[in-house]
Amino acid sequence: MKVFFLTKRLAFGSMITAWSDVEQLRGLGITHVINLLRNTNSKKIRQFKWLWLPFKDDKKPRPRWFYKKALKFYKRAMRNRDRKVFVMCHHGINRSASMAYFLLRASGVGPDKAESTIRQARPCAKIVRAYRQSGEEYLLEKKIRPICPQTVAGL
């Protein structure tokens, strides 16, 4: 399992497959998981507060409800300074990186800074155009204000 921190409280990466992964995440202080795997929400994932948004990595735009649920979950997690969110997909390259980009943007980070932060953390990460565009459209349509400036401190 690979974990890449973008802020002190937001990370993304590959899927949880073993109990040692659960222990690794706990050791890093992870309390919440956004699971983007299409077919799996295992007992290991359910050791955390979790949100399961099952989509295959089809490079197609996501529906509004997808972003609404993710943002609601993330906002709730960010209410408590002791909570940390891990966004996961199969390899930690497309879906989780794109969702992490969306969460950074919703937190008030500009598009260039959000993308460069993800690429610095994981150079092979890809912010999929359709995922980015549908997330940006959601933020624009809902006129989302930054969640919590302290979650992006240090970027």
Protein backbone atom coordinates (compact mmCIF):
# COMPACT_ATOMS: atom_id res chain seq x y z
CA MET A 1 0.00 0.00 0.00
CA LYS A 2 1.22 3.49 -0.86
CA VAL A 3 0.27 6.64 1.05
CA PHE A 4 1.03 10.18 -0.11
CA PHE A 5 0.28 13.12 2.20
CA LEU A 6 -0.79 16.38 0.55
CA THR A 7 -1.46 18.26 3.78
CA LYS A 8 -1.13 17.22 7.40
CA ARG A 9 -4.69 15.90 7.23
CA LEU A 10 -5.24 14.73 3.64
CA ALA A 11 -3.55 11.80 1.92
CA PHE A 12 -4.23 9.61 -1.09
CA GLY A 13 -2.93 6.33 -2.36
CA SER A 14 -3.50 2.71 -3.23
CA MET A 15 -5.92 0.23 -1.75
CA ILE A 16 -5.92 -1.29 1.70
CA THR A 17 -5.28 -5.01 1.16
CA ALA A 18 -3.80 -6.34 4.41
CA TRP A 19 -4.20 -5.87 8.13
CA SER A 20 -0.68 -4.43 8.14
CA ASP A 21 -2.06 -1.67 5.89
CA VAL A 22 -4.70 -0.90 8.51
CA GLU A 23 -1.99 -0.68 11.16
CA GLN A 24 0.17 1.50 8.90
CA LEU A 25 -2.70 3.94 8.36
CA ARG A 26 -3.55 3.99 12.06
CA GLY A 27 0.11 4.70 12.80
CA LEU A 28 -0.09 7.68 10.44
CA GLY A 29 -3.17 8.93 12.28
CA ILE A 30 -5.66 8.19 9.50
CA THR A 31 -9.21 8.15 10.87
CA HIS A 32 -11.34 8.40 7.71
CA VAL A 33 -11.21 6.65 4.32
CA ILE A 34 -12.85 7.58 1.03
CA ASN A 35 -12.94 4.34 -0.94
CA LEU A 36 -13.19 4.73 -4.72
CA LEU A 37 -12.86 1.02 -5.53
CA ARG A 38 -15.64 -0.30 -7.69
CA ASN A 39 -16.08 -3.76 -6.16
CA THR A 40 -14.58 -3.72 -2.68
CA ASN A 41 -15.41 -2.21 0.68
CA SER A 42 -13.72 -4.81 2.85
CA LYS A 43 -13.68 -5.32 6.60
CA LYS A 44 -10.23 -3.76 6.63
CA ILE A 45 -11.57 -0.51 5.14
CA ARG A 46 -14.46 -0.56 7.58
CA GLN A 47 -11.99 -0.27 10.49
CA PHE A 48 -12.12 3.47 9.79
CA LYS A 49 -14.94 5.93 9.30
CA TRP A 50 -15.55 5.36 5.61
CA LEU A 51 -17.35 6.53 2.52
CA TRP A 52 -17.64 4.16 -0.42
CA LEU A 53 -18.10 5.74 -3.85
CA PRO A 54 -17.86 2.71 -6.17
CA PHE A 55 -16.88 3.75 -9.68
CA LYS A 56 -14.65 2.11 -12.22
CA ASP A 57 -11.79 4.15 -13.58
CA ASP A 58 -13.59 4.90 -16.86
CA LYS A 59 -12.31 8.48 -17.35
CA LYS A 60 -15.91 9.74 -17.63
CA PRO A 61 -17.41 12.69 -15.72
CA ARG A 62 -18.79 11.93 -12.29
CA PRO A 63 -22.34 12.86 -11.28
CA ARG A 64 -23.00 15.75 -8.91
CA TRP A 65 -24.05 13.44 -6.09
CA PHE A 66 -20.55 11.87 -6.17
CA TYR A 67 -18.92 15.18 -5.26
CA LYS A 68 -21.69 16.15 -2.86
CA LYS A 69 -21.19 12.97 -0.80
CA ALA A 70 -17.41 13.24 -0.87
CA LEU A 71 -17.45 16.86 0.21
CA LYS A 72 -19.99 16.25 2.99
CA PHE A 73 -17.87 13.38 4.36
CA TYR A 74 -14.68 15.44 4.13
CA LYS A 75 -16.23 18.49 5.80
CA ARG A 76 -17.43 16.37 8.71
CA ALA A 77 -13.99 14.84 9.13
CA MET A 78 -12.29 18.25 9.05
CA ARG A 79 -14.42 19.56 11.94
CA ASN A 80 -12.06 17.83 14.38
CA ARG A 81 -8.35 18.68 14.17
CA ASP A 82 -7.36 15.14 15.16
CA ARG A 83 -8.92 13.56 12.07
CA LYS A 84 -7.08 12.66 8.89
CA VAL A 85 -8.59 11.52 5.59
CA PHE A 86 -7.11 8.94 3.21
CA VAL A 87 -8.52 8.75 -0.33
CA MET A 88 -7.89 5.37 -1.95
CA CYS A 89 -8.36 3.61 -5.26
CA HIS A 90 -6.75 0.52 -6.72
CA HIS A 91 -3.30 1.86 -7.62
CA GLY A 92 -3.48 5.37 -6.16
CA ILE A 93 -2.87 7.05 -9.50
CA ASN A 94 -6.09 8.27 -11.19
CA ARG A 95 -9.24 8.18 -9.07
CA SER A 96 -7.72 8.91 -5.68
CA ALA A 97 -5.43 11.63 -7.07
CA SER A 98 -8.36 13.25 -8.86
CA MET A 99 -10.53 13.15 -5.72
CA ALA A 100 -7.68 14.57 -3.65
CA TYR A 101 -7.41 17.37 -6.22
CA PHE A 102 -11.14 18.06 -5.79
CA LEU A 103 -10.81 18.16 -1.99
CA LEU A 104 -7.85 20.53 -2.19
CA ARG A 105 -9.83 22.78 -4.54
CA ALA A 106 -12.83 22.69 -2.19
CA SER A 107 -10.44 23.72 0.60
CA GLY A 108 -9.49 26.87 -1.26
CA VAL A 109 -6.30 25.78 -3.02
CA GLY A 110 -5.95 27.15 -6.56
CA PRO A 111 -5.97 24.72 -9.50
CA ASP A 112 -2.26 25.04 -10.32
CA LYS A 113 -1.20 24.65 -6.69
CA ALA A 114 -3.55 21.68 -6.16
CA GLU A 115 -2.14 19.92 -9.22
CA SER A 116 1.49 20.66 -8.37
CA THR A 117 0.97 19.48 -4.79
CA ILE A 118 -0.33 16.14 -6.04
CA ARG A 119 2.45 15.78 -8.62
CA GLN A 120 5.12 16.59 -6.03
CA ALA A 121 3.70 13.93 -3.73
CA ARG A 122 3.40 11.33 -6.51
CA PRO A 123 4.87 12.21 -9.91
CA CYS A 124 3.02 9.39 -11.72
CA ALA A 125 -0.38 10.61 -10.42
CA LYS A 126 -2.87 11.72 -13.05
CA ILE A 127 -5.70 14.14 -12.52
CA VAL A 128 -8.12 12.81 -15.09
CA ARG A 129 -9.57 15.57 -17.25
CA ALA A 130 -13.20 14.40 -16.98
CA TYR A 131 -12.94 13.95 -13.20
CA ARG A 132 -11.32 17.38 -12.82
CA GLN A 133 -13.87 19.09 -15.03
CA SER A 134 -16.92 17.56 -13.36
CA GLY A 135 -15.49 18.42 -9.92
CA GLU A 136 -14.74 22.00 -10.95
CA GLU A 137 -18.25 22.35 -12.38
CA TYR A 138 -19.72 21.12 -9.10
CA LEU A 139 -17.70 23.64 -7.08
CA LEU A 140 -18.65 26.47 -9.43
CA GLU A 141 -22.33 25.51 -9.49
CA LYS A 142 -22.55 25.19 -5.71
CA LYS A 143 -20.35 28.25 -5.10
CA ILE A 144 -18.38 26.25 -2.58
CA ARG A 145 -16.37 28.33 -0.15
CA PRO A 146 -13.15 26.96 1.31
CA ILE A 147 -13.81 24.34 3.97
CA CYS A 148 -11.18 25.19 6.48
CA PRO A 149 -8.07 27.26 5.71
CA GLN A 150 -6.02 25.49 8.37
CA THR A 151 -6.41 22.17 6.49
CA VAL A 152 -4.27 23.55 3.67
CA ALA A 153 -1.78 25.47 5.78
CA GLY A 154 1.73 24.99 4.57
CA LEU A 155 0.89 24.53 0.90
